[in-house]
Amino acid sequence: MLKVGLTGGIGAGKSEVSRLLVECGAVLIDADRIAREVVEPGTPGLAAVVEAFGEEILTEDGSLDRPRLGSIVFADPAKLATLNSIVHPLVGARSRELEEAADQDAVVVHDVPLLTENGLAPLYDLVIVVDAGPETQLDRLVRLRGMTEEDARARMAAQATREQRREIADIVIDNDVPLEELERRVQDVWAELVRRSRASSRE
């Protein structure tokens, strides 16, 4: 099994890269999706978040009001740290379960937005960073996700710098490019992952 960490700044196009890697044959473990699962209604995770932040972060149907919680924590580093201390251990435990269920010869890609910030690079055989310029990130967040420019800049500022991410990268996928070019780049990266996986299995 080859364990790959995939990360990138918000709006860099990491989700598109993970989708393309799955099409190539990767087993994807999506930390964002798991983070949503562990705070669904009725979970201990949601109960802990409500205890920390109050019932105003719930919608009328009792689910987590993500935009409201986001506006609270991304404006306050201490509150963001509190949220992370609740959610991250739950995500880590579930990710390990899914990894253990994968085939032994699989290329397992862990899609982890805060891989750099949380010092998780040593957990993986190699790290792929999806990189895009700040102007590209900002444009995508405002145009495609409907964020205000202020919210987008706050989310970007709350993450590691572009330089910090590139420092931990074994492979960088530059994504200031059209989708067709991104697809070609991901296919090249997949060929490299398969080569490394086969080499490690022979060791």
N, C-alpha and C. Protein backbone atom coordinates (compact mmCIF):
# COMPACT_ATOMS: atom_id res chain seq x y z
N MET A 1 0.85 -1.20 0.00
CA MET A 1 0.00 0.00 0.00
C MET A 1 0.88 1.25 0.00
N LEU A 2 0.54 2.17 -0.89
CA LEU A 2 1.23 3.46 -0.91
C LEU A 2 0.28 4.50 -0.31
N LYS A 3 0.73 5.14 0.76
CA LYS A 3 -0.10 6.14 1.44
C LYS A 3 0.33 7.54 1.00
N VAL A 4 -0.60 8.23 0.37
CA VAL A 4 -0.31 9.54 -0.21
C VAL A 4 -1.13 10.60 0.52
N GLY A 5 -0.47 11.68 0.93
CA GLY A 5 -1.18 12.83 1.47
C GLY A 5 -1.39 13.85 0.37
N LEU A 6 -2.63 14.29 0.19
CA LEU A 6 -2.95 15.29 -0.84
C LEU A 6 -3.49 16.53 -0.15
N THR A 7 -2.88 17.67 -0.45
CA THR A 7 -3.35 18.90 0.19
C THR A 7 -3.19 20.07 -0.78
N GLY A 8 -3.67 21.22 -0.35
CA GLY A 8 -3.60 22.42 -1.16
C GLY A 8 -4.44 23.51 -0.51
N GLY A 9 -4.14 24.74 -0.81
CA GLY A 9 -4.90 25.84 -0.25
C GLY A 9 -6.33 25.85 -0.76
N ILE A 10 -7.21 26.48 -0.01
CA ILE A 10 -8.60 26.58 -0.41
C ILE A 10 -8.69 27.25 -1.78
N GLY A 11 -9.44 26.65 -2.67
CA GLY A 11 -9.58 27.21 -4.02
C GLY A 11 -8.47 26.83 -4.98
N ALA A 12 -7.53 25.99 -4.53
CA ALA A 12 -6.42 25.61 -5.42
C ALA A 12 -6.82 24.53 -6.41
N GLY A 13 -7.92 23.82 -6.13
CA GLY A 13 -8.37 22.78 -7.05
C GLY A 13 -8.07 21.37 -6.57
N LYS A 14 -7.85 21.21 -5.28
CA LYS A 14 -7.52 19.91 -4.72
C LYS A 14 -8.63 18.89 -4.94
N SER A 15 -9.88 19.31 -4.83
CA SER A 15 -10.99 18.38 -5.01
C SER A 15 -11.03 17.83 -6.43
N GLU A 16 -10.70 18.68 -7.39
CA GLU A 16 -10.66 18.24 -8.79
C GLU A 16 -9.55 17.22 -8.98
N VAL A 17 -8.40 17.47 -8.37
CA VAL A 17 -7.28 16.53 -8.47
C VAL A 17 -7.64 15.19 -7.83
N SER A 18 -8.29 15.23 -6.66
CA SER A 18 -8.66 13.98 -6.00
C SER A 18 -9.66 13.20 -6.86
N ARG A 19 -10.59 13.91 -7.51
CA ARG A 19 -11.56 13.25 -8.40
C ARG A 19 -10.83 12.55 -9.55
N LEU A 20 -9.87 13.23 -10.13
CA LEU A 20 -9.13 12.66 -11.25
C LEU A 20 -8.28 11.47 -10.80
N LEU A 21 -7.72 11.53 -9.60
CA LEU A 21 -6.94 10.40 -9.10
C LEU A 21 -7.82 9.17 -8.87
N VAL A 22 -9.05 9.40 -8.41
CA VAL A 22 -9.99 8.29 -8.24
C VAL A 22 -10.30 7.66 -9.60
N GLU A 23 -10.48 8.50 -10.62
CA GLU A 23 -10.72 7.97 -11.97
C GLU A 23 -9.56 7.10 -12.45
N CYS A 24 -8.35 7.45 -12.01
CA CYS A 24 -7.17 6.67 -12.40
C CYS A 24 -7.10 5.34 -11.64
N GLY A 25 -7.74 5.29 -10.46
CA GLY A 25 -7.72 4.05 -9.69
C GLY A 25 -7.36 4.19 -8.23
N ALA A 26 -7.17 5.41 -7.76
CA ALA A 26 -6.81 5.61 -6.35
C ALA A 26 -7.99 5.31 -5.43
N VAL A 27 -7.67 4.89 -4.20
CA VAL A 27 -8.66 4.80 -3.13
C VAL A 27 -8.60 6.12 -2.38
N LEU A 28 -9.71 6.85 -2.35
CA LEU A 28 -9.73 8.19 -1.74
C LEU A 28 -10.30 8.14 -0.33
N ILE A 29 -9.59 8.76 0.59
CA ILE A 29 -10.10 8.99 1.94
C ILE A 29 -10.15 10.51 2.11
N ASP A 30 -11.37 11.04 2.11
CA ASP A 30 -11.61 12.48 2.05
C ASP A 30 -11.85 13.02 3.46
N ALA A 31 -10.87 13.73 4.01
CA ALA A 31 -10.99 14.23 5.38
C ALA A 31 -12.15 15.20 5.54
N ASP A 32 -12.42 16.01 4.52
CA ASP A 32 -13.55 16.95 4.61
C ASP A 32 -14.88 16.21 4.73
N ARG A 33 -15.03 15.17 3.90
CA ARG A 33 -16.28 14.41 3.95
C ARG A 33 -16.43 13.71 5.31
N ILE A 34 -15.34 13.15 5.79
CA ILE A 34 -15.39 12.50 7.11
C ILE A 34 -15.68 13.53 8.20
N ALA A 35 -15.12 14.72 8.04
CA ALA A 35 -15.37 15.78 9.04
C ALA A 35 -16.85 16.15 9.09
N ARG A 36 -17.54 16.05 7.96
CA ARG A 36 -18.98 16.28 7.97
C ARG A 36 -19.71 15.12 8.63
N GLU A 37 -19.26 13.90 8.35
CA GLU A 37 -19.92 12.73 8.91
C GLU A 37 -19.84 12.70 10.44
N VAL A 38 -18.71 13.09 11.00
CA VAL A 38 -18.53 12.96 12.45
C VAL A 38 -19.27 14.03 13.25
N VAL A 39 -19.89 15.00 12.56
CA VAL A 39 -20.71 15.99 13.27
C VAL A 39 -22.14 15.99 12.73
N GLU A 40 -22.57 14.86 12.18
CA GLU A 40 -23.97 14.75 11.76
C GLU A 40 -24.87 14.69 13.00
N PRO A 41 -26.16 15.02 12.83
CA PRO A 41 -27.08 14.98 13.98
C PRO A 41 -27.05 13.62 14.69
N GLY A 42 -27.00 13.68 16.01
CA GLY A 42 -26.99 12.46 16.81
C GLY A 42 -25.62 11.91 17.13
N THR A 43 -24.56 12.53 16.57
CA THR A 43 -23.21 12.03 16.83
C THR A 43 -22.61 12.71 18.07
N PRO A 44 -21.69 12.00 18.75
CA PRO A 44 -20.97 12.63 19.86
C PRO A 44 -20.20 13.87 19.40
N GLY A 45 -19.73 13.85 18.14
CA GLY A 45 -18.99 15.00 17.62
C GLY A 45 -19.82 16.27 17.61
N LEU A 46 -21.06 16.16 17.12
CA LEU A 46 -21.92 17.34 17.09
C LEU A 46 -22.24 17.81 18.50
N ALA A 47 -22.48 16.87 19.40
CA ALA A 47 -22.77 17.25 20.79
C ALA A 47 -21.60 18.04 21.39
N ALA A 48 -20.38 17.63 21.08
CA ALA A 48 -19.20 18.33 21.61
C ALA A 48 -19.06 19.73 21.01
N VAL A 49 -19.38 19.86 19.72
CA VAL A 49 -19.30 21.18 19.07
C VAL A 49 -20.35 22.12 19.67
N VAL A 50 -21.56 21.61 19.88
CA VAL A 50 -22.62 22.44 20.48
C VAL A 50 -22.23 22.86 21.90
N GLU A 51 -21.63 21.95 22.63
CA GLU A 51 -21.20 22.29 24.00
C GLU A 51 -20.17 23.41 23.98
N ALA A 52 -19.30 23.40 22.96
CA ALA A 52 -18.24 24.40 22.88
C ALA A 52 -18.73 25.75 22.36
N PHE A 53 -19.69 25.73 21.42
CA PHE A 53 -20.05 26.96 20.72
C PHE A 53 -21.50 27.41 20.93
N GLY A 54 -22.31 26.58 21.55
CA GLY A 54 -23.69 26.97 21.80
C GLY A 54 -24.64 26.51 20.71
N GLU A 55 -25.92 26.50 21.04
CA GLU A 55 -26.92 25.97 20.11
C GLU A 55 -27.19 26.89 18.93
N GLU A 56 -26.65 28.10 18.95
CA GLU A 56 -26.87 29.00 17.81
C GLU A 56 -26.14 28.53 16.55
N ILE A 57 -25.25 27.53 16.69
CA ILE A 57 -24.58 27.02 15.49
C ILE A 57 -25.34 25.84 14.88
N LEU A 58 -26.59 25.64 15.33
CA LEU A 58 -27.44 24.62 14.74
C LEU A 58 -28.50 25.25 13.85
N THR A 59 -28.91 24.54 12.81
CA THR A 59 -30.03 24.97 11.99
C THR A 59 -31.32 24.53 12.67
N GLU A 60 -32.46 24.89 12.08
CA GLU A 60 -33.75 24.55 12.68
C GLU A 60 -33.96 23.04 12.78
N ASP A 61 -33.37 22.29 11.86
CA ASP A 61 -33.58 20.84 11.89
C ASP A 61 -32.55 20.11 12.76
N GLY A 62 -31.71 20.87 13.46
CA GLY A 62 -30.76 20.26 14.39
C GLY A 62 -29.43 19.87 13.80
N SER A 63 -29.21 20.20 12.52
CA SER A 63 -27.91 19.92 11.92
C SER A 63 -26.98 21.13 12.08
N LEU A 64 -25.72 20.91 11.78
CA LEU A 64 -24.73 21.97 11.96
C LEU A 64 -24.89 23.06 10.90
N ASP A 65 -24.94 24.31 11.35
CA ASP A 65 -24.99 25.45 10.44
C ASP A 65 -23.56 25.81 10.08
N ARG A 66 -23.05 25.22 9.02
CA ARG A 66 -21.64 25.37 8.68
C ARG A 66 -21.22 26.81 8.37
N PRO A 67 -22.00 27.54 7.58
CA PRO A 67 -21.60 28.92 7.32
C PRO A 67 -21.50 29.76 8.61
N ARG A 68 -22.46 29.55 9.51
CA ARG A 68 -22.42 30.31 10.77
C ARG A 68 -21.20 29.93 11.61
N LEU A 69 -20.96 28.63 11.74
CA LEU A 69 -19.79 28.20 12.51
C LEU A 69 -18.51 28.68 11.86
N GLY A 70 -18.46 28.62 10.53
CA GLY A 70 -17.27 29.08 9.83
C GLY A 70 -17.00 30.55 10.07
N SER A 71 -18.04 31.37 10.06
CA SER A 71 -17.85 32.80 10.28
C SER A 71 -17.34 33.09 11.69
N ILE A 72 -17.67 32.20 12.64
CA ILE A 72 -17.20 32.36 14.02
C ILE A 72 -15.73 31.96 14.15
N VAL A 73 -15.40 30.76 13.66
CA VAL A 73 -14.07 30.23 13.94
C VAL A 73 -12.98 30.82 13.06
N PHE A 74 -13.32 31.20 11.82
CA PHE A 74 -12.27 31.72 10.96
C PHE A 74 -11.91 33.16 11.29
N ALA A 75 -12.69 33.78 12.16
CA ALA A 75 -12.36 35.13 12.61
C ALA A 75 -11.62 35.12 13.94
N ASP A 76 -11.42 33.93 14.53
CA ASP A 76 -10.85 33.84 15.87
C ASP A 76 -9.98 32.58 15.96
N PRO A 77 -8.65 32.73 15.92
CA PRO A 77 -7.77 31.56 15.93
C PRO A 77 -7.98 30.63 17.14
N ALA A 78 -8.33 31.19 18.29
CA ALA A 78 -8.54 30.36 19.48
C ALA A 78 -9.77 29.47 19.30
N LYS A 79 -10.83 30.04 18.71
CA LYS A 79 -12.04 29.25 18.49
C LYS A 79 -11.83 28.20 17.41
N LEU A 80 -11.03 28.54 16.40
CA LEU A 80 -10.70 27.56 15.37
C LEU A 80 -9.93 26.40 15.99
N ALA A 81 -9.01 26.71 16.88
CA ALA A 81 -8.24 25.66 17.55
C ALA A 81 -9.15 24.76 18.39
N THR A 82 -10.15 25.37 19.04
CA THR A 82 -11.10 24.59 19.83
C THR A 82 -11.87 23.62 18.93
N LEU A 83 -12.36 24.13 17.81
CA LEU A 83 -13.10 23.27 16.88
C LEU A 83 -12.22 22.14 16.37
N ASN A 84 -11.00 22.46 15.99
CA ASN A 84 -10.09 21.44 15.47
C ASN A 84 -9.79 20.37 16.51
N SER A 85 -9.69 20.77 17.78
CA SER A 85 -9.38 19.80 18.84
C SER A 85 -10.52 18.80 19.03
N ILE A 86 -11.72 19.18 18.64
CA ILE A 86 -12.87 18.27 18.71
C ILE A 86 -12.93 17.37 17.48
N VAL A 87 -12.82 17.98 16.31
CA VAL A 87 -13.09 17.26 15.07
C VAL A 87 -11.92 16.41 14.60
N HIS A 88 -10.69 16.91 14.72
CA HIS A 88 -9.55 16.22 14.13
C HIS A 88 -9.31 14.80 14.67
N PRO A 89 -9.40 14.58 15.99
CA PRO A 89 -9.22 13.20 16.47
C PRO A 89 -10.27 12.24 15.92
N LEU A 90 -11.50 12.72 15.76
CA LEU A 90 -12.57 11.87 15.21
C LEU A 90 -12.29 11.54 13.75
N VAL A 91 -11.82 12.53 13.01
CA VAL A 91 -11.50 12.32 11.59
C VAL A 91 -10.33 11.35 11.46
N GLY A 92 -9.33 11.51 12.31
CA GLY A 92 -8.16 10.63 12.26
C GLY A 92 -8.53 9.18 12.50
N ALA A 93 -9.38 8.95 13.49
CA ALA A 93 -9.78 7.58 13.81
C ALA A 93 -10.54 6.93 12.66
N ARG A 94 -11.47 7.68 12.07
CA ARG A 94 -12.25 7.14 10.95
C ARG A 94 -11.37 6.93 9.72
N SER A 95 -10.42 7.81 9.48
CA SER A 95 -9.51 7.66 8.33
C SER A 95 -8.69 6.39 8.46
N ARG A 96 -8.24 6.09 9.67
CA ARG A 96 -7.45 4.87 9.87
C ARG A 96 -8.30 3.62 9.60
N GLU A 97 -9.55 3.66 10.01
CA GLU A 97 -10.45 2.53 9.74
C GLU A 97 -10.57 2.28 8.23
N LEU A 98 -10.77 3.35 7.47
CA LEU A 98 -10.94 3.22 6.02
C LEU A 98 -9.66 2.75 5.34
N GLU A 99 -8.52 3.23 5.83
CA GLU A 99 -7.24 2.81 5.25
C GLU A 99 -7.01 1.33 5.48
N GLU A 100 -7.32 0.86 6.68
CA GLU A 100 -7.12 -0.55 7.00
C GLU A 100 -8.01 -1.46 6.16
N ALA A 101 -9.13 -0.90 5.66
CA ALA A 101 -10.06 -1.70 4.85
C ALA A 101 -9.65 -1.78 3.38
N ALA A 102 -8.67 -0.97 2.97
CA ALA A 102 -8.25 -0.95 1.56
C ALA A 102 -7.35 -2.15 1.25
N ASP A 103 -7.30 -2.53 -0.03
CA ASP A 103 -6.42 -3.62 -0.47
C ASP A 103 -4.95 -3.28 -0.17
N GLN A 104 -4.17 -4.32 0.05
CA GLN A 104 -2.76 -4.10 0.41
C GLN A 104 -1.94 -3.50 -0.72
N ASP A 105 -2.39 -3.68 -1.98
CA ASP A 105 -1.63 -3.11 -3.09
C ASP A 105 -2.24 -1.80 -3.60
N ALA A 106 -3.12 -1.21 -2.82
CA ALA A 106 -3.81 0.02 -3.25
C ALA A 106 -2.91 1.24 -3.12
N VAL A 107 -3.20 2.24 -3.96
CA VAL A 107 -2.67 3.60 -3.75
C VAL A 107 -3.77 4.36 -3.02
N VAL A 108 -3.53 4.64 -1.75
CA VAL A 108 -4.53 5.29 -0.90
C VAL A 108 -4.20 6.77 -0.79
N VAL A 109 -5.10 7.61 -1.28
CA VAL A 109 -4.89 9.05 -1.26
C VAL A 109 -5.74 9.66 -0.14
N HIS A 110 -5.06 10.26 0.81
CA HIS A 110 -5.74 10.98 1.90
C HIS A 110 -5.85 12.45 1.51
N ASP A 111 -7.06 12.90 1.24
CA ASP A 111 -7.32 14.30 0.90
C ASP A 111 -7.48 15.06 2.21
N VAL A 112 -6.43 15.84 2.58
CA VAL A 112 -6.39 16.48 3.90
C VAL A 112 -6.11 17.98 3.73
N PRO A 113 -7.14 18.83 3.85
CA PRO A 113 -6.94 20.26 3.64
C PRO A 113 -5.87 20.87 4.56
N LEU A 114 -5.84 20.46 5.82
CA LEU A 114 -4.93 21.08 6.80
C LEU A 114 -3.72 20.20 7.10
N LEU A 115 -3.28 19.45 6.12
CA LEU A 115 -2.13 18.57 6.29
C LEU A 115 -0.90 19.35 6.73
N THR A 116 -0.64 20.47 6.07
CA THR A 116 0.53 21.29 6.39
C THR A 116 0.41 21.89 7.79
N GLU A 117 -0.74 22.49 8.06
CA GLU A 117 -0.95 23.20 9.32
C GLU A 117 -0.81 22.28 10.54
N ASN A 118 -1.21 21.03 10.37
CA ASN A 118 -1.20 20.09 11.50
C ASN A 118 0.02 19.19 11.53
N GLY A 119 1.00 19.47 10.68
CA GLY A 119 2.25 18.72 10.70
C GLY A 119 2.09 17.24 10.42
N LEU A 120 1.21 16.90 9.46
CA LEU A 120 0.86 15.49 9.21
C LEU A 120 1.70 14.82 8.12
N ALA A 121 2.59 15.56 7.48
CA ALA A 121 3.36 15.00 6.36
C ALA A 121 4.06 13.68 6.71
N PRO A 122 4.63 13.51 7.91
CA PRO A 122 5.33 12.26 8.22
C PRO A 122 4.42 11.01 8.22
N LEU A 123 3.11 11.20 8.22
CA LEU A 123 2.20 10.06 8.23
C LEU A 123 2.11 9.36 6.88
N TYR A 124 2.62 10.00 5.82
CA TYR A 124 2.42 9.51 4.46
C TYR A 124 3.74 9.14 3.80
N ASP A 125 3.66 8.25 2.82
CA ASP A 125 4.84 7.87 2.06
C ASP A 125 5.31 9.02 1.19
N LEU A 126 4.37 9.80 0.70
CA LEU A 126 4.73 11.03 0.00
C LEU A 126 3.55 12.00 0.04
N VAL A 127 3.86 13.26 -0.20
CA VAL A 127 2.85 14.33 -0.12
C VAL A 127 2.76 15.02 -1.48
N ILE A 128 1.50 15.16 -1.95
CA ILE A 128 1.23 15.93 -3.17
C ILE A 128 0.56 17.23 -2.76
N VAL A 129 1.08 18.34 -3.25
CA VAL A 129 0.48 19.65 -3.01
C VAL A 129 -0.09 20.19 -4.31
N VAL A 130 -1.37 20.53 -4.30
CA VAL A 130 -2.00 21.21 -5.43
C VAL A 130 -1.83 22.70 -5.19
N ASP A 131 -1.20 23.37 -6.12
CA ASP A 131 -0.81 24.76 -5.92
C ASP A 131 -1.45 25.66 -6.97
N ALA A 132 -1.91 26.83 -6.52
CA ALA A 132 -2.41 27.85 -7.44
C ALA A 132 -2.09 29.21 -6.84
N GLY A 133 -1.96 30.20 -7.69
CA GLY A 133 -1.66 31.54 -7.21
C GLY A 133 -2.82 32.12 -6.40
N PRO A 134 -2.53 33.05 -5.48
CA PRO A 134 -3.58 33.65 -4.65
C PRO A 134 -4.70 34.29 -5.46
N GLU A 135 -4.35 34.88 -6.59
CA GLU A 135 -5.38 35.52 -7.42
C GLU A 135 -6.34 34.46 -7.98
N THR A 136 -5.78 33.31 -8.38
CA THR A 136 -6.62 32.22 -8.88
C THR A 136 -7.51 31.69 -7.78
N GLN A 137 -6.94 31.49 -6.57
CA GLN A 137 -7.73 31.00 -5.44
C GLN A 137 -8.89 31.95 -5.15
N LEU A 138 -8.59 33.23 -5.07
CA LEU A 138 -9.60 34.23 -4.73
C LEU A 138 -10.71 34.25 -5.77
N ASP A 139 -10.33 34.20 -7.03
CA ASP A 139 -11.32 34.20 -8.12
C ASP A 139 -12.25 32.99 -8.01
N ARG A 140 -11.67 31.82 -7.77
CA ARG A 140 -12.50 30.61 -7.68
C ARG A 140 -13.45 30.66 -6.48
N LEU A 141 -12.96 31.16 -5.35
CA LEU A 141 -13.81 31.20 -4.16
C LEU A 141 -14.97 32.16 -4.32
N VAL A 142 -14.72 33.30 -4.95
CA VAL A 142 -15.77 34.30 -5.13
C VAL A 142 -16.71 33.89 -6.27
N ARG A 143 -16.13 33.47 -7.38
CA ARG A 143 -16.93 33.19 -8.59
C ARG A 143 -17.64 31.84 -8.52
N LEU A 144 -16.94 30.83 -8.02
CA LEU A 144 -17.50 29.47 -8.05
C LEU A 144 -18.20 29.08 -6.75
N ARG A 145 -17.73 29.59 -5.63
CA ARG A 145 -18.33 29.20 -4.34
C ARG A 145 -19.24 30.26 -3.75
N GLY A 146 -19.26 31.43 -4.39
CA GLY A 146 -20.18 32.47 -3.94
C GLY A 146 -19.76 33.16 -2.64
N MET A 147 -18.49 33.06 -2.26
CA MET A 147 -18.03 33.75 -1.06
C MET A 147 -17.87 35.25 -1.33
N THR A 148 -17.98 36.04 -0.29
CA THR A 148 -17.57 37.43 -0.43
C THR A 148 -16.05 37.47 -0.47
N GLU A 149 -15.52 38.52 -1.03
CA GLU A 149 -14.06 38.63 -1.09
C GLU A 149 -13.46 38.65 0.32
N GLU A 150 -14.15 39.29 1.26
CA GLU A 150 -13.66 39.35 2.64
C GLU A 150 -13.58 37.96 3.27
N ASP A 151 -14.65 37.17 3.09
CA ASP A 151 -14.66 35.80 3.64
C ASP A 151 -13.57 34.95 2.98
N ALA A 152 -13.44 35.10 1.68
CA ALA A 152 -12.44 34.30 0.96
C ALA A 152 -11.03 34.61 1.45
N ARG A 153 -10.75 35.90 1.62
CA ARG A 153 -9.41 36.28 2.09
C ARG A 153 -9.18 35.78 3.52
N ALA A 154 -10.22 35.80 4.36
CA ALA A 154 -10.08 35.31 5.73
C ALA A 154 -9.77 33.81 5.74
N ARG A 155 -10.47 33.05 4.89
CA ARG A 155 -10.21 31.60 4.82
C ARG A 155 -8.78 31.34 4.35
N MET A 156 -8.35 32.08 3.34
CA MET A 156 -6.99 31.90 2.83
C MET A 156 -5.95 32.25 3.89
N ALA A 157 -6.20 33.33 4.63
CA ALA A 157 -5.25 33.78 5.65
C ALA A 157 -5.16 32.81 6.82
N ALA A 158 -6.24 32.05 7.06
CA ALA A 158 -6.26 31.11 8.19
C ALA A 158 -5.45 29.86 7.90
N GLN A 159 -5.06 29.66 6.64
CA GLN A 159 -4.32 28.45 6.26
C GLN A 159 -2.82 28.72 6.19
N ALA A 160 -2.07 27.64 6.01
CA ALA A 160 -0.62 27.77 5.81
C ALA A 160 -0.35 28.61 4.57
N THR A 161 0.86 29.16 4.50
CA THR A 161 1.22 29.92 3.32
C THR A 161 1.53 28.98 2.16
N ARG A 162 1.52 29.56 0.99
CA ARG A 162 1.86 28.78 -0.21
C ARG A 162 3.26 28.18 -0.08
N GLU A 163 4.19 28.97 0.48
CA GLU A 163 5.57 28.50 0.62
C GLU A 163 5.66 27.34 1.62
N GLN A 164 4.90 27.42 2.71
CA GLN A 164 4.91 26.34 3.70
C GLN A 164 4.41 25.03 3.11
N ARG A 165 3.38 25.11 2.28
CA ARG A 165 2.86 23.90 1.65
C ARG A 165 3.89 23.30 0.69
N ARG A 166 4.50 24.16 -0.11
CA ARG A 166 5.45 23.65 -1.10
C ARG A 166 6.68 23.03 -0.43
N GLU A 167 7.02 23.50 0.75
CA GLU A 167 8.18 22.96 1.48
C GLU A 167 8.01 21.48 1.83
N ILE A 168 6.79 21.05 2.10
CA ILE A 168 6.59 19.65 2.52
C ILE A 168 6.23 18.75 1.34
N ALA A 169 6.17 19.32 0.14
CA ALA A 169 5.69 18.56 -1.03
C ALA A 169 6.78 17.67 -1.60
N ASP A 170 6.41 16.42 -1.90
CA ASP A 170 7.25 15.56 -2.72
C ASP A 170 6.92 15.78 -4.20
N ILE A 171 5.65 16.08 -4.47
CA ILE A 171 5.18 16.38 -5.82
C ILE A 171 4.28 17.61 -5.74
N VAL A 172 4.51 18.58 -6.62
CA VAL A 172 3.65 19.76 -6.71
C VAL A 172 2.89 19.71 -8.04
N ILE A 173 1.57 19.86 -7.96
CA ILE A 173 0.75 19.96 -9.17
C ILE A 173 0.32 21.41 -9.30
N ASP A 174 0.89 22.12 -10.26
CA ASP A 174 0.52 23.52 -10.48
C ASP A 174 -0.83 23.56 -11.19
N ASN A 175 -1.78 24.27 -10.61
CA ASN A 175 -3.14 24.27 -11.14
C ASN A 175 -3.63 25.66 -11.53
N ASP A 176 -2.73 26.46 -12.07
CA ASP A 176 -3.15 27.70 -12.73
C ASP A 176 -3.32 27.41 -14.22
N VAL A 177 -4.03 26.32 -14.52
CA VAL A 177 -4.11 25.84 -15.90
C VAL A 177 -5.53 25.39 -16.21
N PRO A 178 -5.89 25.27 -17.51
CA PRO A 178 -7.20 24.73 -17.88
C PRO A 178 -7.33 23.27 -17.45
N LEU A 179 -8.57 22.80 -17.36
CA LEU A 179 -8.84 21.45 -16.89
C LEU A 179 -8.14 20.39 -17.73
N GLU A 180 -8.09 20.59 -19.06
CA GLU A 180 -7.47 19.59 -19.93
C GLU A 180 -6.00 19.39 -19.56
N GLU A 181 -5.31 20.49 -19.28
CA GLU A 181 -3.90 20.39 -18.89
C GLU A 181 -3.77 19.76 -17.51
N LEU A 182 -4.69 20.10 -16.59
CA LEU A 182 -4.66 19.49 -15.27
C LEU A 182 -4.81 17.97 -15.38
N GLU A 183 -5.71 17.53 -16.24
CA GLU A 183 -5.92 16.09 -16.43
C GLU A 183 -4.64 15.40 -16.87
N ARG A 184 -3.91 16.02 -17.79
CA ARG A 184 -2.64 15.44 -18.25
C ARG A 184 -1.63 15.37 -17.11
N ARG A 185 -1.58 16.42 -16.32
CA ARG A 185 -0.62 16.45 -15.21
C ARG A 185 -0.96 15.38 -14.17
N VAL A 186 -2.23 15.21 -13.89
CA VAL A 186 -2.62 14.20 -12.90
C VAL A 186 -2.32 12.80 -13.41
N GLN A 187 -2.51 12.56 -14.70
CA GLN A 187 -2.18 11.24 -15.26
C GLN A 187 -0.69 10.95 -15.13
N ASP A 188 0.14 11.97 -15.32
CA ASP A 188 1.59 11.79 -15.15
C ASP A 188 1.91 11.46 -13.69
N VAL A 189 1.25 12.16 -12.77
CA VAL A 189 1.47 11.91 -11.34
C VAL A 189 1.01 10.50 -10.98
N TRP A 190 -0.12 10.07 -11.54
CA TRP A 190 -0.61 8.72 -11.25
C TRP A 190 0.39 7.66 -11.71
N ALA A 191 0.96 7.86 -12.87
CA ALA A 191 1.97 6.91 -13.35
C ALA A 191 3.14 6.82 -12.37
N GLU A 192 3.52 7.95 -11.80
CA GLU A 192 4.60 7.96 -10.81
C GLU A 192 4.18 7.25 -9.52
N LEU A 193 2.94 7.45 -9.10
CA LEU A 193 2.46 6.79 -7.88
C LEU A 193 2.43 5.28 -8.06
N VAL A 194 1.97 4.83 -9.21
CA VAL A 194 1.94 3.39 -9.48
C VAL A 194 3.37 2.82 -9.49
N ARG A 195 4.29 3.55 -10.09
CA ARG A 195 5.69 3.10 -10.12
C ARG A 195 6.24 2.96 -8.70
N ARG A 196 5.97 3.97 -7.87
CA ARG A 196 6.48 3.92 -6.49
C ARG A 196 5.80 2.81 -5.69
N SER A 197 4.52 2.61 -5.94
CA SER A 197 3.79 1.56 -5.22
C SER A 197 4.38 0.19 -5.55
N ARG A 198 4.65 -0.04 -6.82
CA ARG A 198 5.20 -1.33 -7.23
C ARG A 198 6.62 -1.51 -6.68
N ALA A 199 7.38 -0.42 -6.67
CA ALA A 199 8.75 -0.50 -6.15
C ALA A 199 8.74 -0.84 -4.66
N SER A 200 7.83 -0.21 -3.92
CA SER A 200 7.77 -0.45 -2.47
C SER A 200 7.30 -1.86 -2.16
N SER A 201 6.43 -2.41 -3.01
CA SER A 201 5.93 -3.77 -2.76
C SER A 201 7.00 -4.82 -3.02
N ARG A 202 8.02 -4.45 -3.82
CA ARG A 202 9.11 -5.40 -4.09
C ARG A 202 10.19 -5.36 -3.02
N GLU A 203 10.16 -4.32 -2.19
CA GLU A 203 11.21 -4.17 -1.17
C GLU A 203 11.02 -5.17 -0.04
